[in-house]
Amino acid sequence: MFDFDFTLSIVNNTAAMAFPKTGGNFMENYVEKRLTTIHNTSEQSVKNYKQKVITFFVGLFIIVTLPYIHLGVLHRLIFPGKPKIDRRSCKNSCFDTVFRGIYESPGNSGYKHVYFNVTWQTYRIWIFTVLFILMAYESLKYLVGIISNKSLRKSMFVLFLANVYPHYYSWWSYFSYYNEDFYDYYSHHMLFTITEIVATCLVLNLCDYNNPIVSWKILAIVSINTMHICIAGTDQFIAHVIRGKGTDFQNVRNIALMVPDLLHVMIPLLVLFIHAKQNNKLLRELCFKEEVFLCVVFICIGTLFGKIL
């Protein structure tokens, strides 16, 4: 027959082994432990939520403000002679009206704040815009997390800020290339853009103190921006700024693009020097000969390639 008492004894012994009592009331200890866990989890959730909210509004503010500063402030100051548009008499015969659907047909379309034709060029403008906005937002989200954790490496953060204008200028340039079907400098600019993004990714990585200073990252940043200096220095910068053949707008633009490159050479080398000094080492002890050789080769080939493009 079935021995109920024997089975109950086994269950009790198993429960006792699984949930041993530790001095006091087991249930009180268990409840206290669970409440502590819930509290810590809730506190972390609130912290993460606040960080996400802060990140969203910081990203929104910066991305929304840049075009206003560029066009709403600087361009109105630099080019003050632009006449006002008479919206009532304005006509546009180059608008394909595809996005207007049944409400309008091609012809003398009236004034609108935004016209866009449905073409592959417009679609590419959209793609580049989305890519740049997403990269900007993800970068800001990463930085907000570092700042909230108090692990920001200020020297690298300065480099990130210095590169905001070059990245914004790149997006605006691609917008203009596609919008005007003008591609003379497209390949040349694409080389700058790709290498700039690589350098910025390394800078963002080094913005976090938890990521150690290593020679290959520093040398990669220095090499990329040295290449930029070599290409631009033998191109528009000398013609416009040094020889004085450029307009005020061109000179300001060229200087604003050159200064970040110079900072991306000087500051990383200074950071590497300080890092070596703190560890009682010489610079040559931190850098492999192969790394330096590859950097020189990259600068030479990149400069030559950039001039050809």
C-alpha atoms as a PDB file:
ATOM      1  CA  MET A   1       0.000   0.000   0.000  1.00  0.00           C
ATOM      2  CA  PHE A   2       1.012   3.634  -0.454  1.00  0.00           C
ATOM      3  CA  ASP A   3       2.926   4.954   2.616  1.00  0.00           C
ATOM      4  CA  PHE A   4       1.719   8.572   2.969  1.00  0.00           C
ATOM      5  CA  ASP A   5       3.834   9.348   6.071  1.00  0.00           C
ATOM      6  CA  PHE A   6       7.018   8.190   4.332  1.00  0.00           C
ATOM      7  CA  THR A   7       6.294  10.388   1.280  1.00  0.00           C
ATOM      8  CA  LEU A   8       5.544  13.435   3.468  1.00  0.00           C
ATOM      9  CA  SER A   9       8.823  12.902   5.288  1.00  0.00           C
ATOM     10  CA  ILE A  10      10.759  12.926   2.004  1.00  0.00           C
ATOM     11  CA  VAL A  11       9.040  16.169   0.905  1.00  0.00           C
ATOM     12  CA  ASN A  12       9.836  17.884   4.203  1.00  0.00           C
ATOM     13  CA  ASN A  13      13.470  16.810   4.068  1.00  0.00           C
ATOM     14  CA  THR A  14      13.789  18.031   0.471  1.00  0.00           C
ATOM     15  CA  ALA A  15      12.263  21.410   1.349  1.00  0.00           C
ATOM     16  CA  ALA A  16      14.580  21.740   4.305  1.00  0.00           C
ATOM     17  CA  MET A  17      17.603  21.081   2.079  1.00  0.00           C
ATOM     18  CA  ALA A  18      16.418  23.519  -0.611  1.00  0.00           C
ATOM     19  CA  PHE A  19      15.470  26.337   1.782  1.00  0.00           C
ATOM     20  CA  PRO A  20      17.693  26.113   4.866  1.00  0.00           C
ATOM     21  CA  LYS A  21      16.981  28.437   7.762  1.00  0.00           C
ATOM     22  CA  THR A  22      19.768  30.844   8.565  1.00  0.00           C
ATOM     23  CA  GLY A  23      19.433  31.882  12.168  1.00  0.00           C
ATOM     24  CA  GLY A  24      16.110  33.792  12.099  1.00  0.00           C
ATOM     25  CA  ASN A  25      12.805  33.391  10.442  1.00  0.00           C
ATOM     26  CA  PHE A  26      13.361  32.116   6.914  1.00  0.00           C
ATOM     27  CA  MET A  27      10.300  33.872   5.512  1.00  0.00           C
ATOM     28  CA  GLU A  28      11.383  37.263   6.876  1.00  0.00           C
ATOM     29  CA  ASN A  29      14.836  36.869   5.361  1.00  0.00           C
ATOM     30  CA  TYR A  30      13.390  35.786   2.050  1.00  0.00           C
ATOM     31  CA  VAL A  31      10.881  38.677   1.875  1.00  0.00           C
ATOM     32  CA  GLU A  32      13.560  41.195   2.866  1.00  0.00           C
ATOM     33  CA  LYS A  33      15.889  39.864   0.184  1.00  0.00           C
ATOM     34  CA  ARG A  34      13.183  40.034  -2.487  1.00  0.00           C
ATOM     35  CA  LEU A  35      12.167  43.583  -1.505  1.00  0.00           C
ATOM     36  CA  THR A  36      15.802  44.700  -1.665  1.00  0.00           C
ATOM     37  CA  THR A  37      16.166  43.164  -5.121  1.00  0.00           C
ATOM     38  CA  ILE A  38      12.969  44.844  -6.341  1.00  0.00           C
ATOM     39  CA  HIS A  39      14.113  48.191  -4.919  1.00  0.00           C
ATOM     40  CA  ASN A  40      17.518  47.987  -6.609  1.00  0.00           C
ATOM     41  CA  THR A  41      15.947  46.934  -9.902  1.00  0.00           C
ATOM     42  CA  SER A  42      13.402  49.749  -9.716  1.00  0.00           C
ATOM     43  CA  GLU A  43      16.095  52.302  -8.884  1.00  0.00           C
ATOM     44  CA  GLN A  44      18.184  51.178 -11.862  1.00  0.00           C
ATOM     45  CA  SER A  45      15.123  51.312 -14.133  1.00  0.00           C
ATOM     46  CA  VAL A  46      14.384  54.884 -13.053  1.00  0.00           C
ATOM     47  CA  LYS A  47      18.028  55.834 -13.658  1.00  0.00           C
ATOM     48  CA  ASN A  48      17.975  54.275 -17.137  1.00  0.00           C
ATOM     49  CA  TYR A  49      14.673  56.007 -17.933  1.00  0.00           C
ATOM     50  CA  LYS A  50      16.051  59.407 -16.883  1.00  0.00           C
ATOM     51  CA  GLN A  51      19.164  58.819 -18.977  1.00  0.00           C
ATOM     52  CA  LYS A  52      17.064  57.958 -22.039  1.00  0.00           C
ATOM     53  CA  VAL A  53      14.934  61.084 -21.581  1.00  0.00           C
ATOM     54  CA  ILE A  54      18.012  63.292 -21.180  1.00  0.00           C
ATOM     55  CA  THR A  55      19.650  61.699 -24.216  1.00  0.00           C
ATOM     56  CA  PHE A  56      16.553  62.251 -26.347  1.00  0.00           C
ATOM     57  CA  PHE A  57      16.230  65.937 -25.508  1.00  0.00           C
ATOM     58  CA  VAL A  58      19.975  66.638 -25.795  1.00  0.00           C
ATOM     59  CA  GLY A  59      20.057  64.942 -29.209  1.00  0.00           C
ATOM     60  CA  LEU A  60      16.880  66.707 -30.311  1.00  0.00           C
ATOM     61  CA  PHE A  61      18.183  70.113 -29.233  1.00  0.00           C
ATOM     62  CA  ILE A  62      21.552  69.766 -30.983  1.00  0.00           C
ATOM     63  CA  ILE A  63      20.221  68.271 -34.224  1.00  0.00           C
ATOM     64  CA  VAL A  64      17.391  70.837 -34.460  1.00  0.00           C
ATOM     65  CA  THR A  65      19.614  73.787 -33.519  1.00  0.00           C
ATOM     66  CA  LEU A  66      22.437  73.208 -36.030  1.00  0.00           C
ATOM     67  CA  PRO A  67      20.439  74.114 -39.197  1.00  0.00           C
ATOM     68  CA  TYR A  68      19.000  77.172 -37.456  1.00  0.00           C
ATOM     69  CA  ILE A  69      22.477  78.433 -36.504  1.00  0.00           C
ATOM     70  CA  HIS A  70      23.769  77.639 -39.998  1.00  0.00           C
ATOM     71  CA  LEU A  71      20.981  79.124 -42.120  1.00  0.00           C
ATOM     72  CA  GLY A  72      18.890  81.216 -39.757  1.00  0.00           C
ATOM     73  CA  VAL A  73      21.808  83.086 -38.172  1.00  0.00           C
ATOM     74  CA  LEU A  74      25.153  82.721 -39.981  1.00  0.00           C
ATOM     75  CA  HIS A  75      23.897  82.846 -43.573  1.00  0.00           C
ATOM     76  CA  ARG A  76      21.704  85.855 -42.828  1.00  0.00           C
ATOM     77  CA  LEU A  77      24.748  87.634 -41.393  1.00  0.00           C
ATOM     78  CA  ILE A  78      27.195  86.574 -44.122  1.00  0.00           C
ATOM     79  CA  PHE A  79      24.784  87.131 -47.040  1.00  0.00           C
ATOM     80  CA  PRO A  80      22.575  90.040 -45.895  1.00  0.00           C
ATOM     81  CA  GLY A  81      21.527  91.239 -49.355  1.00  0.00           C
ATOM     82  CA  LYS A  82      19.012  88.495 -50.129  1.00  0.00           C
ATOM     83  CA  PRO A  83      15.651  90.069 -51.135  1.00  0.00           C
ATOM     84  CA  LYS A  84      12.371  88.887 -49.645  1.00  0.00           C
ATOM     85  CA  ILE A  85      10.194  86.596 -51.743  1.00  0.00           C
ATOM     86  CA  ASP A  86       6.723  87.723 -52.803  1.00  0.00           C
ATOM     87  CA  ARG A  87       4.747  84.603 -51.921  1.00  0.00           C
ATOM     88  CA  ARG A  88       1.620  85.713 -53.775  1.00  0.00           C
ATOM     89  CA  SER A  89       3.275  86.086 -57.186  1.00  0.00           C
ATOM     90  CA  CYS A  90       5.862  83.293 -56.864  1.00  0.00           C
ATOM     91  CA  LYS A  91       5.572  80.518 -59.477  1.00  0.00           C
ATOM     92  CA  ASN A  92       7.553  77.291 -59.946  1.00  0.00           C
ATOM     93  CA  SER A  93       7.365  75.402 -63.244  1.00  0.00           C
ATOM     94  CA  CYS A  94      10.019  72.804 -62.285  1.00  0.00           C
ATOM     95  CA  PHE A  95       7.966  71.088 -59.579  1.00  0.00           C
ATOM     96  CA  ASP A  96       6.760  67.598 -60.657  1.00  0.00           C
ATOM     97  CA  THR A  97       3.982  67.665 -57.986  1.00  0.00           C
ATOM     98  CA  VAL A  98       4.132  63.862 -57.542  1.00  0.00           C
ATOM     99  CA  PHE A  99       3.933  64.082 -53.767  1.00  0.00           C
ATOM    100  CA  ARG A 100       0.940  66.444 -54.087  1.00  0.00           C
ATOM    101  CA  GLY A 101      -1.151  63.671 -55.652  1.00  0.00           C
ATOM    102  CA  ILE A 102      -4.498  64.774 -57.057  1.00  0.00           C
ATOM    103  CA  TYR A 103      -4.300  68.225 -55.485  1.00  0.00           C
ATOM    104  CA  GLU A 104      -1.889  69.721 -58.003  1.00  0.00           C
ATOM    105  CA  SER A 105      -0.433  69.131 -61.484  1.00  0.00           C
ATOM    106  CA  PRO A 106       2.875  70.252 -63.033  1.00  0.00           C
ATOM    107  CA  GLY A 107       2.853  73.817 -64.268  1.00  0.00           C
ATOM    108  CA  ASN A 108       3.106  77.144 -62.555  1.00  0.00           C
ATOM    109  CA  SER A 109       2.855  75.917 -59.003  1.00  0.00           C
ATOM    110  CA  GLY A 110       2.355  78.501 -56.307  1.00  0.00           C
ATOM    111  CA  TYR A 111       4.603  79.234 -53.331  1.00  0.00           C
ATOM    112  CA  LYS A 112       5.409  76.452 -50.891  1.00  0.00           C
ATOM    113  CA  HIS A 113       7.940  76.372 -48.076  1.00  0.00           C
ATOM    114  CA  VAL A 114       9.368  73.079 -49.356  1.00  0.00           C
ATOM    115  CA  TYR A 115       9.397  71.746 -52.920  1.00  0.00           C
ATOM    116  CA  PHE A 116      10.801  68.343 -53.743  1.00  0.00           C
ATOM    117  CA  ASN A 117      10.648  66.278 -56.889  1.00  0.00           C
ATOM    118  CA  VAL A 118      10.315  62.508 -56.654  1.00  0.00           C
ATOM    119  CA  THR A 119      13.666  61.432 -58.132  1.00  0.00           C
ATOM    120  CA  TRP A 120      16.532  59.114 -57.215  1.00  0.00           C
ATOM    121  CA  GLN A 121      18.517  62.176 -56.169  1.00  0.00           C
ATOM    122  CA  THR A 122      15.831  63.157 -53.675  1.00  0.00           C
ATOM    123  CA  TYR A 123      15.776  59.621 -52.315  1.00  0.00           C
ATOM    124  CA  ARG A 124      19.556  59.682 -51.835  1.00  0.00           C
ATOM    125  CA  ILE A 125      19.261  62.981 -49.989  1.00  0.00           C
ATOM    126  CA  TRP A 126      16.771  61.287 -47.687  1.00  0.00           C
ATOM    127  CA  ILE A 127      19.106  58.301 -47.140  1.00  0.00           C
ATOM    128  CA  PHE A 128      22.088  60.506 -46.268  1.00  0.00           C
ATOM    129  CA  THR A 129      19.959  62.651 -43.958  1.00  0.00           C
ATOM    130  CA  VAL A 130      18.638  59.634 -42.036  1.00  0.00           C
ATOM    131  CA  LEU A 131      22.133  58.117 -41.761  1.00  0.00           C
ATOM    132  CA  PHE A 132      23.688  61.309 -40.417  1.00  0.00           C
ATOM    133  CA  ILE A 133      20.858  61.912 -37.933  1.00  0.00           C
ATOM    134  CA  LEU A 134      21.054  58.338 -36.629  1.00  0.00           C
ATOM    135  CA  MET A 135      24.840  58.521 -36.272  1.00  0.00           C
ATOM    136  CA  ALA A 136      24.554  61.863 -34.482  1.00  0.00           C
ATOM    137  CA  TYR A 137      21.901  60.549 -32.097  1.00  0.00           C
ATOM    138  CA  GLU A 138      23.797  57.336 -31.300  1.00  0.00           C
ATOM    139  CA  SER A 139      26.965  59.334 -30.643  1.00  0.00           C
ATOM    140  CA  LEU A 140      25.143  61.665 -28.273  1.00  0.00           C
ATOM    141  CA  LYS A 141      23.468  58.738 -26.513  1.00  0.00           C
ATOM    142  CA  TYR A 142      26.865  57.129 -25.967  1.00  0.00           C
ATOM    143  CA  LEU A 143      28.327  60.378 -24.613  1.00  0.00           C
ATOM    144  CA  VAL A 144      25.416  61.044 -22.258  1.00  0.00           C
ATOM    145  CA  GLY A 145      25.919  57.563 -20.799  1.00  0.00           C
ATOM    146  CA  ILE A 146      29.623  58.237 -20.263  1.00  0.00           C
ATOM    147  CA  ILE A 147      28.973  61.625 -18.677  1.00  0.00           C
ATOM    148  CA  SER A 148      26.313  60.191 -16.343  1.00  0.00           C
ATOM    149  CA  ASN A 149      28.785  57.488 -15.273  1.00  0.00           C
ATOM    150  CA  LYS A 150      31.441  60.178 -14.677  1.00  0.00           C
ATOM    151  CA  SER A 151      33.950  58.422 -16.901  1.00  0.00           C
ATOM    152  CA  LEU A 152      34.400  61.124 -19.550  1.00  0.00           C
ATOM    153  CA  ARG A 153      37.908  61.686 -20.928  1.00  0.00           C
ATOM    154  CA  LYS A 154      37.770  65.445 -21.537  1.00  0.00           C
ATOM    155  CA  SER A 155      40.590  65.637 -24.079  1.00  0.00           C
ATOM    156  CA  MET A 156      38.782  63.260 -26.434  1.00  0.00           C
ATOM    157  CA  PHE A 157      35.457  64.980 -25.813  1.00  0.00           C
ATOM    158  CA  VAL A 158      37.055  68.207 -27.069  1.00  0.00           C
ATOM    159  CA  LEU A 159      37.980  66.392 -30.287  1.00  0.00           C
ATOM    160  CA  PHE A 160      34.407  65.174 -30.711  1.00  0.00           C
ATOM    161  CA  LEU A 161      33.080  68.726 -30.337  1.00  0.00           C
ATOM    162  CA  ALA A 162      35.676  69.992 -32.808  1.00  0.00           C
ATOM    163  CA  ASN A 163      34.435  67.546 -35.434  1.00  0.00           C
ATOM    164  CA  VAL A 164      30.767  68.543 -35.223  1.00  0.00           C
ATOM    165  CA  TYR A 165      31.132  71.179 -37.944  1.00  0.00           C
ATOM    166  CA  PRO A 166      33.057  68.949 -40.425  1.00  0.00           C
ATOM    167  CA  HIS A 167      30.403  66.237 -40.126  1.00  0.00           C
ATOM    168  CA  TYR A 168      27.576  68.740 -40.522  1.00  0.00           C
ATOM    169  CA  TYR A 169      29.384  70.277 -43.490  1.00  0.00           C
ATOM    170  CA  SER A 170      29.672  66.828 -45.080  1.00  0.00           C
ATOM    171  CA  TRP A 171      25.939  66.205 -44.806  1.00  0.00           C
ATOM    172  CA  TRP A 172      25.163  69.609 -46.256  1.00  0.00           C
ATOM    173  CA  SER A 173      27.631  69.039 -49.104  1.00  0.00           C
ATOM    174  CA  TYR A 174      26.001  65.736 -50.097  1.00  0.00           C
ATOM    175  CA  PHE A 175      22.632  67.453 -49.936  1.00  0.00           C
ATOM    176  CA  SER A 176      23.936  70.060 -52.396  1.00  0.00           C
ATOM    177  CA  TYR A 177      25.640  67.511 -54.666  1.00  0.00           C
ATOM    178  CA  TYR A 178      22.428  65.564 -55.197  1.00  0.00           C
ATOM    179  CA  ASN A 179      20.153  68.588 -55.178  1.00  0.00           C
ATOM    180  CA  GLU A 180      22.129  70.370 -57.905  1.00  0.00           C
ATOM    181  CA  ASP A 181      23.482  67.309 -59.777  1.00  0.00           C
ATOM    182  CA  PHE A 182      26.986  68.650 -59.218  1.00  0.00           C
ATOM    183  CA  TYR A 183      29.465  65.821 -58.580  1.00  0.00           C
ATOM    184  CA  ASP A 184      32.917  67.280 -59.364  1.00  0.00           C
ATOM    185  CA  TYR A 185      34.076  66.911 -55.743  1.00  0.00           C
ATOM    186  CA  TYR A 186      31.855  63.992 -54.756  1.00  0.00           C
ATOM    187  CA  SER A 187      34.491  61.215 -54.722  1.00  0.00           C
ATOM    188  CA  HIS A 188      37.044  63.522 -53.125  1.00  0.00           C
ATOM    189  CA  HIS A 189      34.601  64.407 -50.366  1.00  0.00           C
ATOM    190  CA  MET A 190      33.540  60.795 -49.854  1.00  0.00           C
ATOM    191  CA  LEU A 191      37.135  59.879 -48.957  1.00  0.00           C
ATOM    192  CA  PHE A 192      37.137  62.593 -46.297  1.00  0.00           C
ATOM    193  CA  THR A 193      33.743  61.530 -44.966  1.00  0.00           C
ATOM    194  CA  ILE A 194      34.554  57.834 -44.575  1.00  0.00           C
ATOM    195  CA  THR A 195      37.895  58.470 -42.886  1.00  0.00           C
ATOM    196  CA  GLU A 196      36.342  61.175 -40.675  1.00  0.00           C
ATOM    197  CA  ILE A 197      33.706  58.731 -39.466  1.00  0.00           C
ATOM    198  CA  VAL A 198      36.391  56.138 -38.649  1.00  0.00           C
ATOM    199  CA  ALA A 199      38.380  58.731 -36.694  1.00  0.00           C
ATOM    200  CA  THR A 200      35.270  59.883 -34.829  1.00  0.00           C
ATOM    201  CA  CYS A 201      34.413  56.297 -33.850  1.00  0.00           C
ATOM    202  CA  LEU A 202      37.891  55.933 -32.329  1.00  0.00           C
ATOM    203  CA  VAL A 203      37.541  59.287 -30.564  1.00  0.00           C
ATOM    204  CA  LEU A 204      34.173  58.252 -29.126  1.00  0.00           C
ATOM    205  CA  ASN A 205      35.692  54.999 -27.895  1.00  0.00           C
ATOM    206  CA  LEU A 206      38.486  56.895 -26.148  1.00  0.00           C
ATOM    207  CA  CYS A 207      36.021  59.372 -24.623  1.00  0.00           C
ATOM    208  CA  ASP A 208      35.367  56.663 -22.026  1.00  0.00           C
ATOM    209  CA  TYR A 209      38.037  56.404 -19.324  1.00  0.00           C
ATOM    210  CA  ASN A 210      37.246  52.704 -19.050  1.00  0.00           C
ATOM    211  CA  ASN A 211      38.730  52.226 -22.526  1.00  0.00           C
ATOM    212  CA  PRO A 212      42.524  52.379 -22.184  1.00  0.00           C
ATOM    213  CA  ILE A 213      44.825  54.536 -24.283  1.00  0.00           C
ATOM    214  CA  VAL A 214      46.477  52.249 -26.824  1.00  0.00           C
ATOM    215  CA  SER A 215      48.961  53.254 -29.480  1.00  0.00           C
ATOM    216  CA  TRP A 216      47.125  51.926 -32.531  1.00  0.00           C
ATOM    217  CA  LYS A 217      43.996  53.970 -31.811  1.00  0.00           C
ATOM    218  CA  ILE A 218      45.984  57.162 -31.303  1.00  0.00           C
ATOM    219  CA  LEU A 219      48.115  56.559 -34.390  1.00  0.00           C
ATOM    220  CA  ALA A 220      45.027  55.807 -36.494  1.00  0.00           C
ATOM    221  CA  ILE A 221      43.423  59.125 -35.499  1.00  0.00           C
ATOM    222  CA  VAL A 222      46.659  61.023 -36.138  1.00  0.00           C
ATOM    223  CA  SER A 223      47.251  59.314 -39.499  1.00  0.00           C
ATOM    224  CA  ILE A 224      43.754  59.980 -40.825  1.00  0.00           C
ATOM    225  CA  ASN A 225      43.847  63.660 -39.954  1.00  0.00           C
ATOM    226  CA  THR A 226      47.428  64.102 -41.144  1.00  0.00           C
ATOM    227  CA  MET A 227      46.222  62.768 -44.480  1.00  0.00           C
ATOM    228  CA  HIS A 228      43.384  65.327 -44.426  1.00  0.00           C
ATOM    229  CA  ILE A 229      45.885  68.122 -43.754  1.00  0.00           C
ATOM    230  CA  CYS A 230      48.164  66.978 -46.574  1.00  0.00           C
ATOM    231  CA  ILE A 231      45.291  66.836 -49.076  1.00  0.00           C
ATOM    232  CA  ALA A 232      43.581  70.084 -48.044  1.00  0.00           C
ATOM    233  CA  GLY A 233      46.879  71.866 -47.425  1.00  0.00           C
ATOM    234  CA  THR A 234      47.914  71.384 -51.036  1.00  0.00           C
ATOM    235  CA  ASP A 235      44.443  72.146 -52.334  1.00  0.00           C
ATOM    236  CA  GLN A 236      41.878  74.822 -51.462  1.00  0.00           C
ATOM    237  CA  PHE A 237      43.414  75.906 -48.147  1.00  0.00           C
ATOM    238  CA  ILE A 238      46.623  77.250 -49.716  1.00  0.00           C
ATOM    239  CA  ALA A 239      44.820  78.802 -52.692  1.00  0.00           C
ATOM    240  CA  HIS A 240      42.039  80.419 -50.671  1.00  0.00           C
ATOM    241  CA  VAL A 241      43.613  81.233 -47.301  1.00  0.00           C
ATOM    242  CA  ILE A 242      47.393  81.453 -47.771  1.00  0.00           C
ATOM    243  CA  ARG A 243      47.380  83.088 -51.218  1.00  0.00           C
ATOM    244  CA  GLY A 244      44.291  85.155 -50.417  1.00  0.00           C
ATOM    245  CA  LYS A 245      42.289  84.096 -53.479  1.00  0.00           C
ATOM    246  CA  GLY A 246      39.239  82.962 -51.531  1.00  0.00           C
ATOM    247  CA  THR A 247      36.204  84.923 -50.412  1.00  0.00           C
ATOM    248  CA  ASP A 248      35.566  85.607 -46.723  1.00  0.00           C
ATOM    249  CA  PHE A 249      33.081  82.752 -46.656  1.00  0.00           C
ATOM    250  CA  GLN A 250      35.552  80.326 -48.263  1.00  0.00           C
ATOM    251  CA  ASN A 251      38.317  81.367 -45.879  1.00  0.00           C
ATOM    252  CA  VAL A 252      36.148  80.861 -42.799  1.00  0.00           C
ATOM    253  CA  ARG A 253      34.980  77.486 -44.103  1.00  0.00           C
ATOM    254  CA  ASN A 254      38.507  76.282 -44.882  1.00  0.00           C
ATOM    255  CA  ILE A 255      39.836  77.364 -41.487  1.00  0.00           C
ATOM    256  CA  ALA A 256      36.871  75.746 -39.721  1.00  0.00           C
ATOM    257  CA  LEU A 257      37.669  72.478 -41.518  1.00  0.00           C
ATOM    258  CA  MET A 258      41.447  72.674 -41.005  1.00  0.00           C
ATOM    259  CA  VAL A 259      41.460  73.452 -37.260  1.00  0.00           C
ATOM    260  CA  PRO A 260      39.716  70.170 -36.262  1.00  0.00           C
ATOM    261  CA  ASP A 261      42.278  68.211 -38.300  1.00  0.00           C
ATOM    262  CA  LEU A 262      45.143  69.989 -36.539  1.00  0.00           C
ATOM    263  CA  LEU A 263      43.570  69.317 -33.142  1.00  0.00           C
ATOM    264  CA  HIS A 264      43.134  65.641 -34.065  1.00  0.00           C
ATOM    265  CA  VAL A 265      46.886  65.438 -34.612  1.00  0.00           C
ATOM    266  CA  MET A 266      48.143  67.462 -31.642  1.00  0.00           C
ATOM    267  CA  ILE A 267      45.781  66.377 -28.855  1.00  0.00           C
ATOM    268  CA  PRO A 268      46.035  62.583 -29.402  1.00  0.00           C
ATOM    269  CA  LEU A 269      49.847  62.800 -29.517  1.00  0.00           C
ATOM    270  CA  LEU A 270      49.792  64.852 -26.313  1.00  0.00           C
ATOM    271  CA  VAL A 271      47.480  62.297 -24.682  1.00  0.00           C
ATOM    272  CA  LEU A 272      49.810  59.473 -25.721  1.00  0.00           C
ATOM    273  CA  PHE A 273      52.830  61.399 -24.384  1.00  0.00           C
ATOM    274  CA  ILE A 274      51.124  61.980 -21.010  1.00  0.00           C
ATOM    275  CA  HIS A 275      50.061  58.332 -20.885  1.00  0.00           C
ATOM    276  CA  ALA A 276      53.655  57.228 -21.511  1.00  0.00           C
ATOM    277  CA  LYS A 277      54.973  59.590 -18.846  1.00  0.00           C
ATOM    278  CA  GLN A 278      52.450  58.348 -16.278  1.00  0.00           C
ATOM    279  CA  ASN A 279      53.584  54.783 -16.951  1.00  0.00           C
ATOM    280  CA  ASN A 280      57.298  55.703 -16.917  1.00  0.00           C
ATOM    281  CA  LYS A 281      57.760  54.736 -20.549  1.00  0.00           C
ATOM    282  CA  LEU A 282      59.067  56.359 -23.690  1.00  0.00           C
ATOM    283  CA  LEU A 283      56.820  56.918 -26.700  1.00  0.00           C
ATOM    284  CA  ARG A 284      58.825  54.471 -28.771  1.00  0.00           C
ATOM    285  CA  GLU A 285      58.142  51.813 -26.135  1.00  0.00           C
ATOM    286  CA  LEU A 286      54.375  52.197 -26.630  1.00  0.00           C
ATOM    287  CA  CYS A 287      54.394  52.171 -30.430  1.00  0.00           C
ATOM    288  CA  PHE A 288      55.497  49.232 -32.532  1.00  0.00           C
ATOM    289  CA  LYS A 289      57.712  50.008 -35.514  1.00  0.00           C
ATOM    290  CA  GLU A 290      55.229  48.205 -37.739  1.00  0.00           C
ATOM    291  CA  GLU A 291      52.450  50.545 -36.579  1.00  0.00           C
ATOM    292  CA  VAL A 292      54.478  53.658 -37.372  1.00  0.00           C
ATOM    293  CA  PHE A 293      55.463  52.251 -40.765  1.00  0.00           C
ATOM    294  CA  LEU A 294      51.841  51.476 -41.642  1.00  0.00           C
ATOM    295  CA  CYS A 295      50.831  54.993 -40.608  1.00  0.00           C
ATOM    296  CA  VAL A 296      53.413  56.538 -42.943  1.00  0.00           C
ATOM    297  CA  VAL A 297      52.294  54.275 -45.794  1.00  0.00           C
ATOM    298  CA  PHE A 298      48.629  55.115 -45.145  1.00  0.00           C
ATOM    299  CA  ILE A 299      49.316  58.864 -45.133  1.00  0.00           C
ATOM    300  CA  CYS A 300      51.284  58.704 -48.389  1.00  0.00           C
ATOM    301  CA  ILE A 301      48.824  56.474 -50.252  1.00  0.00           C
ATOM    302  CA  GLY A 302      45.786  58.308 -48.849  1.00  0.00           C
ATOM    303  CA  THR A 303      47.189  61.699 -49.846  1.00  0.00           C
ATOM    304  CA  LEU A 304      48.008  60.489 -53.354  1.00  0.00           C
ATOM    305  CA  PHE A 305      44.593  58.876 -53.699  1.00  0.00           C
ATOM    306  CA  GLY A 306      42.892  62.032 -52.443  1.00  0.00           C
ATOM    307  CA  LYS A 307      44.725  64.191 -54.969  1.00  0.00           C
ATOM    308  CA  ILE A 308      43.775  61.834 -57.805  1.00  0.00           C
ATOM    309  CA  LEU A 309      40.111  61.953 -56.812  1.00  0.00           C
END
